[in-house]
């Protein structure tokens, strides 16, 4: 299988018609990529834009059960085609006939699309290799990708700019459109069935205005103690705001601890991604750490109370929405996946979180639109 597409100069004057986005995972990172793709959509409105993504995150681009190619709609508002892979599952049975058939199907679809340009917005060796295997004539990537060897696989290396990762991703798109672009929100799928399902569940809970509290995060050092989310739920209830404790696979123990600490003042809810989009749209405020659902809330312009520890909110914080970021001066930026709770995060009390939520909700009603930053 050759890794050598013909290296050509591609510019907007070439009237780019077919673009492949490669961003495989994870939830927050995919959401951080959406504005870059929106910039391409606005610059090349008639272009066929495809996206190669891990199956578990495909609902961020295309509502569950809907067509993954063809005319765009509210169910698939941004891209024309969604190509999915299951790299982890395939790796477990790489040489089985069924796995090889699934891989062949995906790659035939990608190559049949005849993409002119592929853009690796993940910066990993595997994503860069997949971009090359697409047989796109030009492969764009960051000059200094997350995994340095990935840059060898790019035909066009782009020096990115901006401090926030969204700005850096958009700067990759700028290399194709050949001018600076304004960072604009990108549409997320809207499914009437999911919207109706969420409405029914909220009605069953007797929910009026509510906050989403999300105790989970990718690793232990990013997690604020689950019990404190329960404390926040109790205090928000005193303000007349109900709370939903959202959780995903593997986070059952966390949400159980938060629920017990809430003393009956919160409701727990697990959703599909399509349903989570519908639920988040309805929230008055979101409270959580550096995790995918927080970045979803920001993308939907829901006010966010962000509780940060080892990750840098200037690079990975809520973007484009009203937000209060709580981060202790004792927290040191580190992306090592330590299981232990960050010491600085332990110094952030539930009172500070509730006060931040109150300020955001009052500001939201008053129409204030500027982000906020606080440090305890």
Protein backbone atom coordinates (compact mmCIF):
# COMPACT_ATOMS: atom_id res chain seq x y z
CA UNK A 1 0.00 0.00 0.00
CA UNK A 2 1.79 3.15 -1.19
CA UNK A 3 2.18 6.21 1.02
CA UNK A 4 3.24 8.45 -1.85
CA UNK A 5 0.56 10.74 -3.32
CA UNK A 6 1.68 13.17 -5.97
CA UNK A 7 2.94 16.28 -4.16
CA UNK A 8 1.25 19.36 -5.65
CA UNK A 9 0.69 22.94 -4.69
CA UNK A 10 -2.94 23.38 -3.67
CA UNK A 11 -4.43 26.84 -3.26
CA UNK A 12 -7.90 28.28 -3.11
CA UNK A 13 -7.39 29.40 -6.70
CA UNK A 14 -7.39 25.70 -7.61
CA UNK A 15 -11.08 25.67 -6.64
CA UNK A 16 -10.78 22.87 -4.09
CA UNK A 17 -13.75 20.57 -4.47
CA UNK A 18 -13.04 17.56 -2.22
CA UNK A 19 -11.49 17.78 1.27
CA UNK A 20 -10.92 15.03 3.84
CA UNK A 21 -10.67 15.91 7.53
CA UNK A 22 -8.80 13.44 9.74
CA UNK A 23 -9.60 13.84 13.44
CA UNK A 24 -10.28 10.48 14.98
CA UNK A 25 -10.94 11.25 18.64
CA UNK A 26 -11.69 12.13 21.42
CA UNK A 27 -14.91 13.99 22.17
CA UNK A 28 -13.45 17.32 23.25
CA UNK A 29 -10.78 17.24 20.55
CA UNK A 30 -13.37 16.59 17.83
CA UNK A 31 -15.42 19.53 19.11
CA UNK A 32 -12.30 21.72 19.09
CA UNK A 33 -11.88 20.82 15.40
CA UNK A 34 -15.39 21.86 14.31
CA UNK A 35 -14.65 25.61 13.87
CA UNK A 36 -11.74 24.79 11.53
CA UNK A 37 -14.07 22.74 9.35
CA UNK A 38 -16.70 25.48 9.52
CA UNK A 39 -14.07 27.87 8.15
CA UNK A 40 -13.53 25.53 5.19
CA UNK A 41 -17.26 25.17 4.66
CA UNK A 42 -17.71 28.94 4.50
CA UNK A 43 -14.75 29.38 2.16
CA UNK A 44 -15.67 26.47 -0.12
CA UNK A 45 -19.47 26.22 0.18
CA UNK A 46 -19.82 23.79 -2.73
CA UNK A 47 -16.95 21.51 -1.73
CA UNK A 48 -17.50 17.91 -0.73
CA UNK A 49 -16.09 17.64 2.79
CA UNK A 50 -15.57 14.23 4.34
CA UNK A 51 -14.41 13.37 7.86
CA UNK A 52 -12.56 10.27 9.06
CA UNK A 53 -13.44 9.63 12.71
CA UNK A 54 -13.65 6.86 15.29
CA UNK A 55 -17.09 5.26 15.28
CA UNK A 56 -17.89 6.12 18.90
CA UNK A 57 -17.67 9.88 18.17
CA UNK A 58 -19.50 9.92 14.83
CA UNK A 59 -22.70 11.30 16.41
CA UNK A 60 -20.92 14.62 16.89
CA UNK A 61 -21.12 14.92 13.10
CA UNK A 62 -24.16 12.86 12.21
CA UNK A 63 -27.20 12.06 14.38
CA UNK A 64 -27.65 8.43 15.37
CA UNK A 65 -29.38 6.34 12.71
CA UNK A 66 -29.19 8.96 9.97
CA UNK A 67 -27.43 8.73 6.61
CA UNK A 68 -23.69 9.31 6.69
CA UNK A 69 -23.42 10.65 3.17
CA UNK A 70 -25.48 12.73 0.79
CA UNK A 71 -27.21 16.07 1.10
CA UNK A 72 -26.54 17.92 4.33
CA UNK A 73 -29.39 18.56 6.76
CA UNK A 74 -29.95 19.27 10.44
CA UNK A 75 -29.04 15.62 11.06
CA UNK A 76 -25.62 16.07 9.41
CA UNK A 77 -25.18 19.82 9.11
CA UNK A 78 -21.45 20.30 8.54
CA UNK A 79 -19.94 17.54 6.40
CA UNK A 80 -21.06 15.69 3.31
CA UNK A 81 -19.70 12.30 4.28
CA UNK A 82 -18.63 10.57 7.49
CA UNK A 83 -16.11 7.72 7.29
CA UNK A 84 -15.70 5.73 10.50
CA UNK A 85 -12.98 3.46 11.84
CA UNK A 86 -12.67 1.25 14.92
CA UNK A 87 -8.91 1.14 15.28
CA UNK A 88 -8.82 -0.29 18.79
CA UNK A 89 -11.27 -3.09 17.98
CA UNK A 90 -9.55 -3.84 14.69
CA UNK A 91 -6.20 -4.08 16.44
CA UNK A 92 -7.52 -6.94 18.59
CA UNK A 93 -8.28 -9.12 15.56
CA UNK A 94 -6.26 -7.49 12.82
CA UNK A 95 -5.82 -10.61 10.69
CA UNK A 96 -9.34 -11.99 10.94
CA UNK A 97 -11.31 -12.08 7.70
CA UNK A 98 -14.17 -9.95 9.09
CA UNK A 99 -11.77 -7.24 10.29
CA UNK A 100 -9.91 -7.16 6.99
CA UNK A 101 -13.22 -6.87 5.14
CA UNK A 102 -14.33 -3.93 7.30
CA UNK A 103 -10.99 -2.16 6.81
CA UNK A 104 -11.19 -2.73 3.05
CA UNK A 105 -14.73 -1.31 2.94
CA UNK A 106 -13.71 1.88 4.73
CA UNK A 107 -10.64 2.45 2.58
CA UNK A 108 -12.47 1.76 -0.64
CA UNK A 109 -15.05 4.38 0.37
CA UNK A 110 -12.35 6.92 1.27
CA UNK A 111 -10.38 6.39 -1.90
CA UNK A 112 -13.46 6.29 -4.12
CA UNK A 113 -14.28 9.78 -2.83
CA UNK A 114 -11.11 11.01 -4.63
CA UNK A 115 -10.20 13.68 -2.10
CA UNK A 116 -7.85 16.32 -3.44
CA UNK A 117 -6.71 17.49 0.00
CA UNK A 118 -6.48 15.73 3.37
CA UNK A 119 -5.96 17.71 6.58
CA UNK A 120 -4.61 15.93 9.64
CA UNK A 121 -6.02 17.83 12.61
CA UNK A 122 -4.89 15.23 15.14
CA UNK A 123 -1.13 15.40 14.68
CA UNK A 124 -0.50 11.76 15.52
CA UNK A 125 1.48 9.22 13.51
CA UNK A 126 -1.59 7.07 12.88
CA UNK A 127 -3.78 9.99 11.78
CA UNK A 128 -1.04 11.29 9.47
CA UNK A 129 -0.66 7.81 7.97
CA UNK A 130 -4.41 7.56 7.40
CA UNK A 131 -4.39 10.96 5.69
CA UNK A 132 -1.65 9.74 3.32
CA UNK A 133 -3.42 6.43 2.65
CA UNK A 134 -6.45 8.39 1.46
CA UNK A 135 -4.44 9.10 -1.72
CA UNK A 136 -5.22 12.80 -1.47
CA UNK A 137 -2.83 14.75 -3.68
CA UNK A 138 -1.89 17.09 -0.82
CA UNK A 139 -1.74 16.31 2.89
CA UNK A 140 -1.71 19.25 5.30
CA UNK A 141 -0.58 19.10 8.92
CA UNK A 142 1.03 21.19 11.63
CA UNK A 143 4.75 21.83 11.26
CA UNK A 144 5.10 20.82 14.92
CA UNK A 145 2.48 18.10 15.44
CA UNK A 146 1.70 16.41 18.74
CA UNK A 147 3.80 13.41 17.65
CA UNK A 148 6.84 14.80 15.84
CA UNK A 149 7.35 11.91 13.35
CA UNK A 150 3.88 12.61 11.92
CA UNK A 151 5.26 15.65 10.08
CA UNK A 152 7.28 13.39 7.76
CA UNK A 153 4.00 12.24 6.23
CA UNK A 154 2.73 15.72 5.32
CA UNK A 155 3.26 17.27 1.90
CA UNK A 156 2.39 20.71 3.31
CA UNK A 157 3.55 21.70 6.81
CA UNK A 158 1.75 24.65 8.36
CA UNK A 159 3.10 26.84 11.16
CA UNK A 160 0.05 27.21 13.37
CA UNK A 161 -0.73 30.23 15.51
CA UNK A 162 -2.98 31.08 18.44
CA UNK A 163 -2.84 29.98 22.04
CA UNK A 164 -6.11 28.05 22.24
CA UNK A 165 -6.24 24.73 20.40
CA UNK A 166 -9.32 25.91 18.47
CA UNK A 167 -7.31 28.85 17.12
CA UNK A 168 -4.45 26.55 16.20
CA UNK A 169 -6.83 24.23 14.31
CA UNK A 170 -8.40 27.16 12.47
CA UNK A 171 -4.95 28.35 11.41
CA UNK A 172 -4.50 25.03 9.58
CA UNK A 173 -7.66 25.78 7.60
CA UNK A 174 -6.32 29.24 6.84
CA UNK A 175 -3.48 27.63 4.91
CA UNK A 176 -6.07 26.42 2.39
CA UNK A 177 -8.28 29.50 2.26
CA UNK A 178 -5.21 31.77 2.11
CA UNK A 179 -6.52 34.44 4.46
CA UNK A 180 -7.20 34.90 8.15
CA UNK A 181 -10.68 33.81 9.20
CA UNK A 182 -12.87 34.63 12.14
CA UNK A 183 -13.52 31.73 14.50
CA UNK A 184 -17.21 30.93 14.10
CA UNK A 185 -19.38 28.32 15.87
CA UNK A 186 -20.09 25.20 13.85
CA UNK A 187 -23.50 23.51 13.73
CA UNK A 188 -24.05 20.29 15.65
CA UNK A 189 -26.61 17.64 14.66
CA UNK A 190 -30.22 18.22 15.70
CA UNK A 191 -32.49 15.18 15.71
CA UNK A 192 -36.23 15.57 16.39
CA UNK A 193 -36.47 12.10 17.95
CA UNK A 194 -33.65 12.81 20.39
CA UNK A 195 -35.11 16.23 21.19
CA UNK A 196 -38.49 14.66 21.98
CA UNK A 197 -36.88 11.90 24.07
CA UNK A 198 -35.00 14.44 26.18
CA UNK A 199 -38.14 16.53 26.64
CA UNK A 200 -40.01 13.46 27.90
CA UNK A 201 -37.27 12.57 30.37
CA UNK A 202 -37.11 16.12 31.70
CA UNK A 203 -40.89 16.14 32.10
CA UNK A 204 -40.72 12.84 34.01
CA UNK A 205 -38.18 14.43 36.33
CA UNK A 206 -40.36 17.51 36.74
CA UNK A 207 -37.44 19.66 35.59
CA UNK A 208 -37.75 23.37 35.06
CA UNK A 209 -34.51 25.31 34.76
CA UNK A 210 -31.57 23.01 35.36
CA UNK A 211 -27.80 22.79 35.52
CA UNK A 212 -25.75 19.92 34.11
CA UNK A 213 -23.09 18.68 36.53
CA UNK A 214 -20.45 16.37 35.03
CA UNK A 215 -18.16 14.65 37.58
CA UNK A 216 -16.22 12.59 35.02
CA UNK A 217 -13.01 13.37 33.15
CA UNK A 218 -10.42 11.47 31.15
CA UNK A 219 -8.12 10.73 34.08
CA UNK A 220 -8.03 11.14 37.83
CA UNK A 221 -5.92 14.30 38.04
CA UNK A 222 -8.59 16.22 36.09
CA UNK A 223 -11.47 15.13 38.33
CA UNK A 224 -12.83 17.38 41.04
CA UNK A 225 -14.12 15.19 43.93
CA UNK A 226 -17.45 13.65 42.94
CA UNK A 227 -19.01 14.34 46.34
CA UNK A 228 -18.56 18.07 45.80
CA UNK A 229 -20.81 17.92 42.77
CA UNK A 230 -23.49 16.64 45.14
CA UNK A 231 -22.83 19.62 47.40
CA UNK A 232 -23.23 21.94 44.42
CA UNK A 233 -26.55 20.28 43.54
CA UNK A 234 -27.86 20.87 47.06
CA UNK A 235 -26.88 24.55 47.00
CA UNK A 236 -28.27 25.11 43.51
CA UNK A 237 -31.55 23.58 44.68
CA UNK A 238 -31.72 26.28 47.36
CA UNK A 239 -31.55 28.79 44.47
CA UNK A 240 -34.41 27.09 42.63
CA UNK A 241 -32.16 25.40 40.04
CA UNK A 242 -32.43 21.64 39.56
CA UNK A 243 -29.35 19.57 38.67
CA UNK A 244 -28.74 16.68 36.30
CA UNK A 245 -25.67 14.53 36.94
CA UNK A 246 -24.50 13.45 33.51
CA UNK A 247 -22.23 10.45 33.09
CA UNK A 248 -20.82 8.18 30.43
CA UNK A 249 -19.57 4.58 30.27
CA UNK A 250 -17.25 3.71 33.16
CA UNK A 251 -18.35 6.70 35.27
CA UNK A 252 -21.10 4.95 37.21
CA UNK A 253 -19.20 4.96 40.50
CA UNK A 254 -18.45 8.67 40.23
CA UNK A 255 -22.05 9.62 39.56
CA UNK A 256 -23.26 7.35 42.35
CA UNK A 257 -21.02 9.18 44.86
CA UNK A 258 -22.22 12.56 43.59
CA UNK A 259 -25.84 11.45 43.70
CA UNK A 260 -25.56 10.26 47.30
CA UNK A 261 -23.91 13.52 48.34
CA UNK A 262 -26.75 15.48 46.70
CA UNK A 263 -29.20 13.94 49.20
CA UNK A 264 -31.88 13.60 46.55
CA UNK A 265 -31.42 17.07 45.06
CA UNK A 266 -30.03 15.81 41.73
CA UNK A 267 -31.12 13.41 39.01
CA UNK A 268 -28.73 11.15 37.13
CA UNK A 269 -28.88 10.78 33.37
CA UNK A 270 -26.84 8.83 30.86
CA UNK A 271 -27.39 9.70 27.20
CA UNK A 272 -26.31 8.85 23.71
CA UNK A 273 -24.24 11.62 22.14
CA UNK A 274 -27.20 12.73 20.05
CA UNK A 275 -29.34 12.96 23.21
CA UNK A 276 -26.57 14.72 25.12
CA UNK A 277 -26.49 17.43 22.46
CA UNK A 278 -30.25 17.88 22.87
CA UNK A 279 -30.00 17.91 26.67
CA UNK A 280 -27.11 20.37 26.77
CA UNK A 281 -28.96 22.83 24.52
CA UNK A 282 -31.59 23.15 27.25
CA UNK A 283 -29.26 23.67 30.22
CA UNK A 284 -29.07 26.96 32.09
CA UNK A 285 -25.43 26.37 33.09
CA UNK A 286 -22.85 23.58 32.89
CA UNK A 287 -20.41 22.65 35.68
CA UNK A 288 -17.48 20.30 35.10
CA UNK A 289 -13.79 19.76 34.49
CA UNK A 290 -11.73 19.58 31.32
CA UNK A 291 -13.76 16.96 29.50
CA UNK A 292 -15.78 16.45 26.33
CA UNK A 293 -19.22 17.41 27.70
CA UNK A 294 -17.79 20.74 28.93
CA UNK A 295 -16.50 21.55 25.45
CA UNK A 296 -19.85 20.50 23.99
CA UNK A 297 -21.59 22.98 26.30
CA UNK A 298 -19.18 25.73 25.21
CA UNK A 299 -19.78 24.90 21.53
CA UNK A 300 -23.52 25.24 22.15
CA UNK A 301 -22.94 28.60 23.89
CA UNK A 302 -24.17 27.36 27.27
CA UNK A 303 -22.56 29.26 30.20
CA UNK A 304 -19.82 27.11 31.77
CA UNK A 305 -18.23 26.85 35.21
CA UNK A 306 -14.94 25.10 34.45
CA UNK A 307 -12.95 23.47 37.26
CA UNK A 308 -9.36 23.02 36.08
CA UNK A 309 -6.27 21.44 37.57
CA UNK A 310 -3.34 20.05 35.56
CA UNK A 311 -4.46 21.20 32.10
CA UNK A 312 -4.04 24.77 30.87
CA UNK A 313 -7.36 26.59 30.36
CA UNK A 314 -5.65 29.12 28.08
CA UNK A 315 -5.11 26.26 25.62
CA UNK A 316 -7.93 23.84 26.46
CA UNK A 317 -10.49 25.92 28.34
CA UNK A 318 -14.09 26.71 27.38
CA UNK A 319 -14.07 28.78 24.20
CA UNK A 320 -16.66 31.13 22.73
CA UNK A 321 -19.14 31.13 25.59
CA UNK A 322 -19.58 32.93 28.91
CA UNK A 323 -17.43 31.08 31.38
CA UNK A 324 -15.80 31.18 34.78
CA UNK A 325 -12.63 29.12 35.07
CA UNK A 326 -11.66 28.09 38.58
CA UNK A 327 -8.05 27.03 38.87
CA UNK A 328 -5.74 27.15 41.85
CA UNK A 329 -2.36 28.84 41.58
CA UNK A 330 -0.97 25.59 43.02
CA UNK A 331 -1.96 23.61 39.92
CA UNK A 332 0.90 22.92 37.53
CA UNK A 333 0.25 22.30 33.85
CA UNK A 334 0.89 18.66 33.01
CA UNK A 335 -0.69 16.20 30.59
CA UNK A 336 0.64 13.11 32.34
CA UNK A 337 -2.32 10.88 33.03
CA UNK A 338 -1.94 10.62 36.78
CA UNK A 339 -4.76 8.81 38.59
CA UNK A 340 -4.41 10.86 41.77
CA UNK A 341 -6.51 14.02 42.22
CA UNK A 342 -4.70 17.28 41.50
CA UNK A 343 -3.81 18.95 44.80
CA UNK A 344 -4.76 22.38 43.52
CA UNK A 345 -8.24 21.21 42.52
CA UNK A 346 -8.82 19.91 46.04
CA UNK A 347 -8.51 23.49 47.26
CA UNK A 348 -11.54 24.61 45.22
CA UNK A 349 -14.67 24.44 47.39
CA UNK A 350 -18.28 23.99 46.35
CA UNK A 351 -19.07 27.55 47.52
CA UNK A 352 -16.79 29.03 44.84
CA UNK A 353 -18.42 26.87 42.17
CA UNK A 354 -21.97 27.80 43.19
CA UNK A 355 -21.06 31.49 43.31
CA UNK A 356 -19.59 31.26 39.81
CA UNK A 357 -22.75 29.55 38.56
CA UNK A 358 -24.91 32.24 40.14
CA UNK A 359 -22.88 35.01 38.50
CA UNK A 360 -23.12 33.35 35.11
CA UNK A 361 -26.86 32.79 35.33
CA UNK A 362 -27.49 36.37 36.40
CA UNK A 363 -25.18 37.66 33.67
CA UNK A 364 -26.86 35.40 31.12
CA UNK A 365 -30.23 36.90 31.94
CA UNK A 366 -28.73 40.37 31.72
CA UNK A 367 -27.25 39.68 28.29
CA UNK A 368 -23.59 40.05 29.26
CA UNK A 369 -21.51 38.26 26.64
CA UNK A 370 -17.87 38.43 27.69
CA UNK A 371 -15.98 35.44 29.11
CA UNK A 372 -14.92 35.62 32.74
CA UNK A 373 -11.85 34.23 34.51
CA UNK A 374 -11.48 33.67 38.23
CA UNK A 375 -8.79 32.01 40.33
CA UNK A 376 -9.52 30.94 43.91
